[in-house]
PDB file of all heavy atoms in Angstrom:
ATOM      1  N   LYS A   1     -69.181  36.785 104.871  1.00  0.00           N
ATOM      2  CA  LYS A   1     -68.150  37.523 105.595  1.00  0.00           C
ATOM      3  C   LYS A   1     -67.050  36.565 106.035  1.00  0.00           C
ATOM      4  O   LYS A   1     -67.319  35.531 106.632  1.00  0.00           O
ATOM      5  CB  LYS A   1     -68.757  38.213 106.833  1.00  0.00           C
ATOM      6  CG  LYS A   1     -67.787  39.166 107.514  1.00  0.00           C
ATOM      7  CD  LYS A   1     -67.495  40.389 106.653  1.00  0.00           C
ATOM      8  CE  LYS A   1     -66.554  41.354 107.332  1.00  0.00           C
ATOM      9  NZ  LYS A   1     -66.281  42.545 106.496  1.00  0.00           N
ATOM     10  N   LEU A   2     -65.796  36.939 105.746  1.00  0.00           N
ATOM     11  CA  LEU A   2     -64.640  36.201 106.211  1.00  0.00           C
ATOM     12  C   LEU A   2     -64.219  36.728 107.571  1.00  0.00           C
ATOM     13  O   LEU A   2     -64.292  37.930 107.838  1.00  0.00           O
ATOM     14  CB  LEU A   2     -63.479  36.353 105.242  1.00  0.00           C
ATOM     15  CG  LEU A   2     -63.428  35.430 104.024  1.00  0.00           C
ATOM     16  CD1 LEU A   2     -62.439  35.963 103.014  1.00  0.00           C
ATOM     17  CD2 LEU A   2     -63.059  34.004 104.441  1.00  0.00           C
ATOM     18  N   SER A   3     -63.770  35.835 108.443  1.00  0.00           N
ATOM     19  CA  SER A   3     -63.174  36.284 109.691  1.00  0.00           C
ATOM     20  C   SER A   3     -61.827  36.959 109.389  1.00  0.00           C
ATOM     21  O   SER A   3     -61.232  36.729 108.329  1.00  0.00           O
ATOM     22  CB  SER A   3     -62.969  35.106 110.647  1.00  0.00           C
ATOM     23  OG  SER A   3     -62.086  34.149 110.088  1.00  0.00           O
ATOM     24  N   VAL A   4     -61.356  37.793 110.295  1.00  0.00           N
ATOM     25  CA  VAL A   4     -60.110  38.529 110.079  1.00  0.00           C
ATOM     26  C   VAL A   4     -58.939  37.581 109.838  1.00  0.00           C
ATOM     27  O   VAL A   4     -58.077  37.837 108.993  1.00  0.00           O
ATOM     28  CB  VAL A   4     -59.820  39.463 111.273  1.00  0.00           C
ATOM     29  CG1 VAL A   4     -58.456  40.116 111.144  1.00  0.00           C
ATOM     30  CG2 VAL A   4     -60.902  40.534 111.383  1.00  0.00           C
ATOM     31  N   ASP A   5     -58.913  36.445 110.548  1.00  0.00           N
ATOM     32  CA  ASP A   5     -57.806  35.497 110.379  1.00  0.00           C
ATOM     33  C   ASP A   5     -58.029  34.532 109.220  1.00  0.00           C
ATOM     34  O   ASP A   5     -57.210  33.627 108.989  1.00  0.00           O
ATOM     35  CB  ASP A   5     -57.551  34.721 111.672  1.00  0.00           C
ATOM     36  CG  ASP A   5     -58.736  33.850 112.084  1.00  0.00           C
ATOM     37  OD1 ASP A   5     -59.730  33.764 111.337  1.00  0.00           O
ATOM     38  OD2 ASP A   5     -58.668  33.261 113.185  1.00  0.00           O
ATOM     39  N   THR A   6     -59.137  34.697 108.487  1.00  0.00           N
ATOM     40  CA  THR A   6     -59.514  33.938 107.291  1.00  0.00           C
ATOM     41  C   THR A   6     -59.736  32.442 107.557  1.00  0.00           C
ATOM     42  O   THR A   6     -59.792  31.648 106.614  1.00  0.00           O
ATOM     43  CB  THR A   6     -58.499  34.088 106.135  1.00  0.00           C
ATOM     44  OG1 THR A   6     -57.275  33.397 106.457  1.00  0.00           O
ATOM     45  CG2 THR A   6     -58.211  35.545 105.838  1.00  0.00           C
ATOM     46  N   THR A   7     -59.925  32.042 108.796  1.00  0.00           N
ATOM     47  CA  THR A   7     -60.169  30.626 109.092  1.00  0.00           C
ATOM     48  C   THR A   7     -61.647  30.254 108.973  1.00  0.00           C
ATOM     49  O   THR A   7     -61.976  29.079 108.846  1.00  0.00           O
ATOM     50  CB  THR A   7     -59.689  30.256 110.500  1.00  0.00           C
ATOM     51  OG1 THR A   7     -60.395  31.045 111.465  1.00  0.00           O
ATOM     52  CG2 THR A   7     -58.197  30.479 110.644  1.00  0.00           C
ATOM     53  N   LEU A   8     -62.533  31.257 109.027  1.00  0.00           N
ATOM     54  CA  LEU A   8     -63.974  31.011 108.973  1.00  0.00           C
ATOM     55  C   LEU A   8     -64.629  31.919 107.944  1.00  0.00           C
ATOM     56  O   LEU A   8     -64.158  33.025 107.668  1.00  0.00           O
ATOM     57  CB  LEU A   8     -64.613  31.284 110.342  1.00  0.00           C
ATOM     58  CG  LEU A   8     -64.184  30.408 111.524  1.00  0.00           C
ATOM     59  CD1 LEU A   8     -64.757  30.980 112.811  1.00  0.00           C
ATOM     60  CD2 LEU A   8     -64.646  28.976 111.318  1.00  0.00           C
ATOM     61  N   ILE A   9     -65.727  31.433 107.396  1.00  0.00           N
ATOM     62  CA  ILE A   9     -66.575  32.248 106.534  1.00  0.00           C
ATOM     63  C   ILE A   9     -68.013  32.078 106.988  1.00  0.00           C
ATOM     64  O   ILE A   9     -68.429  30.959 107.321  1.00  0.00           O
ATOM     65  CB  ILE A   9     -66.397  31.903 105.043  1.00  0.00           C
ATOM     66  CG1 ILE A   9     -67.155  32.894 104.152  1.00  0.00           C
ATOM     67  CG2 ILE A   9     -66.822  30.484 104.747  1.00  0.00           C
ATOM     68  CD1 ILE A   9     -66.813  32.760 102.686  1.00  0.00           C
ATOM     69  N   ALA A  10     -68.756  33.172 107.077  1.00  0.00           N
ATOM     70  CA  ALA A  10     -70.161  33.125 107.452  1.00  0.00           C
ATOM     71  C   ALA A  10     -71.023  33.449 106.237  1.00  0.00           C
ATOM     72  O   ALA A  10     -70.645  34.273 105.405  1.00  0.00           O
ATOM     73  CB  ALA A  10     -70.448  34.120 108.576  1.00  0.00           C
ATOM     74  N   THR A  11     -72.179  32.782 106.152  1.00  0.00           N
ATOM     75  CA  THR A  11     -73.140  33.057 105.083  1.00  0.00           C
ATOM     76  C   THR A  11     -74.516  33.298 105.700  1.00  0.00           C
ATOM     77  O   THR A  11     -74.836  32.764 106.765  1.00  0.00           O
ATOM     78  CB  THR A  11     -73.235  31.872 104.104  1.00  0.00           C
ATOM     79  OG1 THR A  11     -73.637  30.685 104.817  1.00  0.00           O
ATOM     80  CG2 THR A  11     -71.903  31.622 103.408  1.00  0.00           C
ATOM     81  N   GLY A  12     -75.319  34.108 105.024  1.00  0.00           N
ATOM     82  CA  GLY A  12     -76.705  34.311 105.413  1.00  0.00           C
ATOM     83  C   GLY A  12     -77.597  34.051 104.216  1.00  0.00           C
ATOM     84  O   GLY A  12     -77.315  34.532 103.116  1.00  0.00           O
ATOM     85  N   ASP A  13     -78.675  33.280 104.391  1.00  0.00           N
ATOM     86  CA  ASP A  13     -79.450  32.847 103.238  1.00  0.00           C
ATOM     87  C   ASP A  13     -80.934  33.190 103.348  1.00  0.00           C
ATOM     88  O   ASP A  13     -81.384  33.834 104.292  1.00  0.00           O
ATOM     89  CB  ASP A  13     -79.248  31.347 102.965  1.00  0.00           C
ATOM     90  CG  ASP A  13     -79.760  30.447 104.097  1.00  0.00           C
ATOM     91  OD1 ASP A  13     -80.778  30.780 104.721  1.00  0.00           O
ATOM     92  OD2 ASP A  13     -79.135  29.394 104.336  1.00  0.00           O
ATOM     93  N   ALA A  14     -81.686  32.753 102.335  1.00  0.00           N
ATOM     94  CA  ALA A  14     -83.113  33.080 102.230  1.00  0.00           C
ATOM     95  C   ALA A  14     -83.993  32.196 103.088  1.00  0.00           C
ATOM     96  O   ALA A  14     -85.207  32.424 103.170  1.00  0.00           O
ATOM     97  CB  ALA A  14     -83.550  32.967 100.763  1.00  0.00           C
ATOM     98  N   MET A  15     -83.421  31.207 103.751  1.00  0.00           N
ATOM     99  CA  MET A  15     -84.204  30.266 104.545  1.00  0.00           C
ATOM    100  C   MET A  15     -83.961  30.446 106.040  1.00  0.00           C
ATOM    101  O   MET A  15     -83.963  29.471 106.802  1.00  0.00           O
ATOM    102  CB  MET A  15     -83.893  28.826 104.111  1.00  0.00           C
ATOM    103  CG  MET A  15     -84.304  28.534 102.678  1.00  0.00           C
ATOM    104  SD  MET A  15     -86.084  28.766 102.380  1.00  0.00           S
ATOM    105  CE  MET A  15     -86.763  27.397 103.317  1.00  0.00           C
ATOM    106  N   SER A  16     -83.725  31.679 106.443  1.00  0.00           N
ATOM    107  CA  SER A  16     -83.605  32.038 107.870  1.00  0.00           C
ATOM    108  C   SER A  16     -82.386  31.417 108.543  1.00  0.00           C
ATOM    109  O   SER A  16     -82.381  31.255 109.762  1.00  0.00           O
ATOM    110  CB  SER A  16     -84.877  31.642 108.644  1.00  0.00           C
ATOM    111  OG  SER A  16     -86.023  32.171 108.055  1.00  0.00           O
ATOM    112  N   LYS A  17     -81.363  31.111 107.772  1.00  0.00           N
ATOM    113  CA  LYS A  17     -80.181  30.473 108.341  1.00  0.00           C
ATOM    114  C   LYS A  17     -78.924  31.318 108.085  1.00  0.00           C
ATOM    115  O   LYS A  17     -78.680  31.782 106.970  1.00  0.00           O
ATOM    116  CB  LYS A  17     -79.942  29.086 107.734  1.00  0.00           C
ATOM    117  CG  LYS A  17     -81.100  28.121 107.855  1.00  0.00           C
ATOM    118  CD  LYS A  17     -81.377  27.710 109.284  1.00  0.00           C
ATOM    119  CE  LYS A  17     -82.473  26.661 109.364  1.00  0.00           C
ATOM    120  NZ  LYS A  17     -82.861  26.351 110.753  1.00  0.00           N
ATOM    121  N   ALA A  18     -78.143  31.497 109.142  1.00  0.00           N
ATOM    122  CA  ALA A  18     -76.764  31.933 109.000  1.00  0.00           C
ATOM    123  C   ALA A  18     -75.909  30.715 109.311  1.00  0.00           C
ATOM    124  O   ALA A  18     -76.251  29.900 110.167  1.00  0.00           O
ATOM    125  CB  ALA A  18     -76.445  33.069 109.961  1.00  0.00           C
ATOM    126  N   LYS A  19     -74.792  30.582 108.598  1.00  0.00           N
ATOM    127  CA  LYS A  19     -73.959  29.393 108.777  1.00  0.00           C
ATOM    128  C   LYS A  19     -72.494  29.801 108.866  1.00  0.00           C
ATOM    129  O   LYS A  19     -72.062  30.758 108.216  1.00  0.00           O
ATOM    130  CB  LYS A  19     -74.171  28.406 107.617  1.00  0.00           C
ATOM    131  CG  LYS A  19     -75.585  27.860 107.546  1.00  0.00           C
ATOM    132  CD  LYS A  19     -75.795  26.932 106.357  1.00  0.00           C
ATOM    133  CE  LYS A  19     -77.232  26.404 106.330  1.00  0.00           C
ATOM    134  NZ  LYS A  19     -77.475  25.529 105.165  1.00  0.00           N
ATOM    135  N   GLY A  20     -71.758  29.073 109.698  1.00  0.00           N
ATOM    136  CA  GLY A  20     -70.328  29.273 109.814  1.00  0.00           C
ATOM    137  C   GLY A  20     -69.583  28.082 109.239  1.00  0.00           C
ATOM    138  O   GLY A  20     -69.894  26.929 109.557  1.00  0.00           O
ATOM    139  N   TRP A  21     -68.611  28.378 108.351  1.00  0.00           N
ATOM    140  CA  TRP A  21     -67.898  27.333 107.626  1.00  0.00           C
ATOM    141  C   TRP A  21     -66.398  27.419 107.896  1.00  0.00           C
ATOM    142  O   TRP A  21     -65.862  28.509 108.083  1.00  0.00           O
ATOM    143  CB  TRP A  21     -68.131  27.469 106.123  1.00  0.00           C
ATOM    144  CG  TRP A  21     -69.554  27.595 105.685  1.00  0.00           C
ATOM    145  CD1 TRP A  21     -70.325  28.734 105.709  1.00  0.00           C
ATOM    146  CD2 TRP A  21     -70.381  26.571 105.141  1.00  0.00           C
ATOM    147  NE1 TRP A  21     -71.577  28.480 105.219  1.00  0.00           N
ATOM    148  CE2 TRP A  21     -71.645  27.156 104.850  1.00  0.00           C
ATOM    149  CE3 TRP A  21     -70.174  25.220 104.863  1.00  0.00           C
ATOM    150  CZ2 TRP A  21     -72.698  26.430 104.304  1.00  0.00           C
ATOM    151  CZ3 TRP A  21     -71.223  24.502 104.314  1.00  0.00           C
ATOM    152  CH2 TRP A  21     -72.465  25.093 104.041  1.00  0.00           C
ATOM    153  N   ASP A  22     -65.732  26.256 107.836  1.00  0.00           N
ATOM    154  CA  ASP A  22     -64.284  26.193 107.926  1.00  0.00           C
ATOM    155  C   ASP A  22     -63.704  26.456 106.536  1.00  0.00           C
ATOM    156  O   ASP A  22     -64.055  25.749 105.583  1.00  0.00           O
ATOM    157  CB  ASP A  22     -63.850  24.813 108.433  1.00  0.00           C
ATOM    158  CG  ASP A  22     -62.355  24.699 108.636  1.00  0.00           C
ATOM    159  OD1 ASP A  22     -61.645  24.518 107.624  1.00  0.00           O
ATOM    160  OD2 ASP A  22     -61.913  24.817 109.776  1.00  0.00           O
ATOM    161  N   THR A  23     -62.831  27.458 106.409  1.00  0.00           N
ATOM    162  CA  THR A  23     -62.332  27.813 105.074  1.00  0.00           C
ATOM    163  C   THR A  23     -61.341  26.786 104.541  1.00  0.00           C
ATOM    164  O   THR A  23     -61.204  26.619 103.326  1.00  0.00           O
ATOM    165  CB  THR A  23     -61.671  29.201 105.094  1.00  0.00           C
ATOM    166  OG1 THR A  23     -60.644  29.229 106.078  1.00  0.00           O
ATOM    167  CG2 THR A  23     -62.684  30.295 105.370  1.00  0.00           C
ATOM    168  N   ALA A  24     -60.631  26.100 105.438  1.00  0.00           N
ATOM    169  CA  ALA A  24     -59.630  25.127 104.981  1.00  0.00           C
ATOM    170  C   ALA A  24     -60.282  23.873 104.387  1.00  0.00           C
ATOM    171  O   ALA A  24     -59.873  23.386 103.334  1.00  0.00           O
ATOM    172  CB  ALA A  24     -58.711  24.741 106.126  1.00  0.00           C
ATOM    173  N   SER A  25     -61.328  23.375 105.069  1.00  0.00           N
ATOM    174  CA  SER A  25     -61.955  22.127 104.633  1.00  0.00           C
ATOM    175  C   SER A  25     -63.279  22.333 103.904  1.00  0.00           C
ATOM    176  O   SER A  25     -63.751  21.426 103.199  1.00  0.00           O
ATOM    177  CB  SER A  25     -62.199  21.222 105.843  1.00  0.00           C
ATOM    178  OG  SER A  25     -63.144  21.814 106.723  1.00  0.00           O
ATOM    179  N   GLY A  26     -63.902  23.498 104.101  1.00  0.00           N
ATOM    180  CA  GLY A  26     -65.228  23.733 103.533  1.00  0.00           C
ATOM    181  C   GLY A  26     -66.338  23.125 104.364  1.00  0.00           C
ATOM    182  O   GLY A  26     -67.508  23.164 103.975  1.00  0.00           O
ATOM    183  N   ALA A  27     -65.991  22.575 105.542  1.00  0.00           N
ATOM    184  CA  ALA A  27     -66.986  21.902 106.388  1.00  0.00           C
ATOM    185  C   ALA A  27     -67.849  22.913 107.128  1.00  0.00           C
ATOM    186  O   ALA A  27     -67.376  23.988 107.535  1.00  0.00           O
ATOM    187  CB  ALA A  27     -66.279  20.996 107.392  1.00  0.00           C
ATOM    188  N   LEU A  28     -69.108  22.549 107.316  1.00  0.00           N
ATOM    189  CA  LEU A  28     -70.027  23.375 108.095  1.00  0.00           C
ATOM    190  C   LEU A  28     -69.706  23.243 109.577  1.00  0.00           C
ATOM    191  O   LEU A  28     -69.639  22.131 110.108  1.00  0.00           O
ATOM    192  CB  LEU A  28     -71.470  22.929 107.825  1.00  0.00           C
ATOM    193  CG  LEU A  28     -72.571  23.661 108.598  1.00  0.00           C
ATOM    194  CD1 LEU A  28     -72.639  25.130 108.193  1.00  0.00           C
ATOM    195  CD2 LEU A  28     -73.917  22.981 108.364  1.00  0.00           C
ATOM    196  N   ARG A  29     -69.498  24.379 110.245  1.00  0.00           N
ATOM    197  CA  ARG A  29     -69.183  24.379 111.676  1.00  0.00           C
ATOM    198  C   ARG A  29     -70.432  24.576 112.528  1.00  0.00           C
ATOM    199  O   ARG A  29     -70.649  23.869 113.506  1.00  0.00           O
ATOM    200  CB  ARG A  29     -68.181  25.494 111.980  1.00  0.00           C
ATOM    201  CG  ARG A  29     -66.765  25.227 111.477  1.00  0.00           C
ATOM    202  CD  ARG A  29     -65.958  24.448 112.483  1.00  0.00           C
ATOM    203  NE  ARG A  29     -64.546  24.479 112.191  1.00  0.00           N
ATOM    204  CZ  ARG A  29     -63.706  25.408 112.656  1.00  0.00           C
ATOM    205  NH1 ARG A  29     -64.157  26.406 113.400  1.00  0.00           N
ATOM    206  NH2 ARG A  29     -62.428  25.355 112.347  1.00  0.00           N
ATOM    207  N   GLN A  30     -71.243  25.609 112.183  1.00  0.00           N
ATOM    208  CA  GLN A  30     -72.414  25.953 112.991  1.00  0.00           C
ATOM    209  C   GLN A  30     -73.530  26.457 112.094  1.00  0.00           C
ATOM    210  O   GLN A  30     -73.281  27.020 111.020  1.00  0.00           O
ATOM    211  CB  GLN A  30     -72.083  27.033 114.027  1.00  0.00           C
ATOM    212  CG  GLN A  30     -71.120  26.637 115.121  1.00  0.00           C
ATOM    213  CD  GLN A  30     -71.724  25.628 116.084  1.00  0.00           C
ATOM    214  OE1 GLN A  30     -72.932  25.423 116.126  1.00  0.00           O
ATOM    215  NE2 GLN A  30     -70.873  24.998 116.880  1.00  0.00           N
ATOM    216  N   THR A  31     -74.763  26.272 112.548  1.00  0.00           N
ATOM    217  CA  THR A  31     -75.947  26.860 111.918  1.00  0.00           C
ATOM    218  C   THR A  31     -76.655  27.717 112.951  1.00  0.00           C
ATOM    219  O   THR A  31     -76.864  27.291 114.091  1.00  0.00           O
ATOM    220  CB  THR A  31     -76.893  25.768 111.405  1.00  0.00           C
ATOM    221  OG1 THR A  31     -76.224  24.982 110.408  1.00  0.00           O
ATOM    222  CG2 THR A  31     -78.132  26.395 110.767  1.00  0.00           C
ATOM    223  N   PHE A  32     -77.028  28.938 112.548  1.00  0.00           N
ATOM    224  CA  PHE A  32     -77.655  29.906 113.444  1.00  0.00           C
ATOM    225  C   PHE A  32     -79.046  30.227 112.910  1.00  0.00           C
ATOM    226  O   PHE A  32     -79.179  30.681 111.767  1.00  0.00           O
ATOM    227  CB  PHE A  32     -76.810  31.187 113.526  1.00  0.00           C
ATOM    228  CG  PHE A  32     -75.351  30.929 113.806  1.00  0.00           C
ATOM    229  CD1 PHE A  32     -74.447  30.764 112.759  1.00  0.00           C
ATOM    230  CD2 PHE A  32     -74.880  30.851 115.105  1.00  0.00           C
ATOM    231  CE1 PHE A  32     -73.096  30.538 113.006  1.00  0.00           C
ATOM    232  CE2 PHE A  32     -73.538  30.625 115.373  1.00  0.00           C
ATOM    233  CZ  PHE A  32     -72.633  30.464 114.316  1.00  0.00           C
ATOM    234  N   ASP A  33     -80.079  29.992 113.701  1.00  0.00           N
ATOM    235  CA  ASP A  33     -81.454  30.177 113.264  1.00  0.00           C
ATOM    236  C   ASP A  33     -81.891  31.634 113.426  1.00  0.00           C
ATOM    237  O   ASP A  33     -81.901  32.163 114.539  1.00  0.00           O
ATOM    238  CB  ASP A  33     -82.388  29.273 114.074  1.00  0.00           C
ATOM    239  CG  ASP A  33     -82.180  27.811 113.744  1.00  0.00           C
ATOM    240  OD1 ASP A  33     -81.943  27.490 112.566  1.00  0.00           O
ATOM    241  OD2 ASP A  33     -82.247  26.977 114.672  1.00  0.00           O
ATOM    242  N   CYS A  34     -82.277  32.257 112.315  1.00  0.00           N
ATOM    243  CA  CYS A  34     -82.724  33.655 112.304  1.00  0.00           C
ATOM    244  C   CYS A  34     -84.194  33.700 111.882  1.00  0.00           C
ATOM    245  O   CYS A  34     -84.890  32.692 111.936  1.00  0.00           O
ATOM    246  CB  CYS A  34     -81.834  34.477 111.371  1.00  0.00           C
ATOM    247  SG  CYS A  34     -80.077  34.434 111.830  1.00  0.00           S
ATOM    248  N   ALA A  35     -84.672  34.862 111.459  1.00  0.00           N
ATOM    249  CA  ALA A  35     -86.078  35.016 111.069  1.00  0.00           C
ATOM    250  C   ALA A  35     -86.161  35.710 109.712  1.00  0.00           C
ATOM    251  O   ALA A  35     -85.860  36.898 109.612  1.00  0.00           O
ATOM    252  CB  ALA A  35     -86.849  35.813 112.128  1.00  0.00           C
ATOM    253  N   GLY A  36     -86.556  34.978 108.691  1.00  0.00           N
ATOM    254  CA  GLY A  36     -86.634  35.570 107.355  1.00  0.00           C
ATOM    255  C   GLY A  36     -85.255  35.644 106.714  1.00  0.00           C
ATOM    256  O   GLY A  36     -84.286  35.050 107.171  1.00  0.00           O
ATOM    257  N   TRP A  37     -85.168  36.370 105.594  1.00  0.00           N
ATOM    258  CA  TRP A  37     -83.899  36.521 104.891  1.00  0.00           C
ATOM    259  C   TRP A  37     -82.830  37.082 105.822  1.00  0.00           C
ATOM    260  O   TRP A  37     -83.077  38.039 106.555  1.00  0.00           O
ATOM    261  CB  TRP A  37     -84.060  37.461 103.702  1.00  0.00           C
ATOM    262  CG  TRP A  37     -84.976  36.956 102.626  1.00  0.00           C
ATOM    263  CD1 TRP A  37     -85.566  35.736 102.546  1.00  0.00           C
ATOM    264  CD2 TRP A  37     -85.406  37.692 101.485  1.00  0.00           C
ATOM    265  NE1 TRP A  37     -86.348  35.652 101.428  1.00  0.00           N
ATOM    266  CE2 TRP A  37     -86.269  36.839 100.754  1.00  0.00           C
ATOM    267  CE3 TRP A  37     -85.157  38.967 101.001  1.00  0.00           C
ATOM    268  CZ2 TRP A  37     -86.867  37.239  99.569  1.00  0.00           C
ATOM    269  CZ3 TRP A  37     -85.757  39.367  99.822  1.00  0.00           C
ATOM    270  CH2 TRP A  37     -86.596  38.508  99.110  1.00  0.00           C
TER     271      TRP A  37
END
């Protein structure tokens, strides 16, 4: 999911992680611990 202002992108994966990324640099901003996919 892209943020409305397109500065961030969020991903959700199979290893219980959601992640927030900087769209300009591609750098990882935050990791969010979830449960399962």
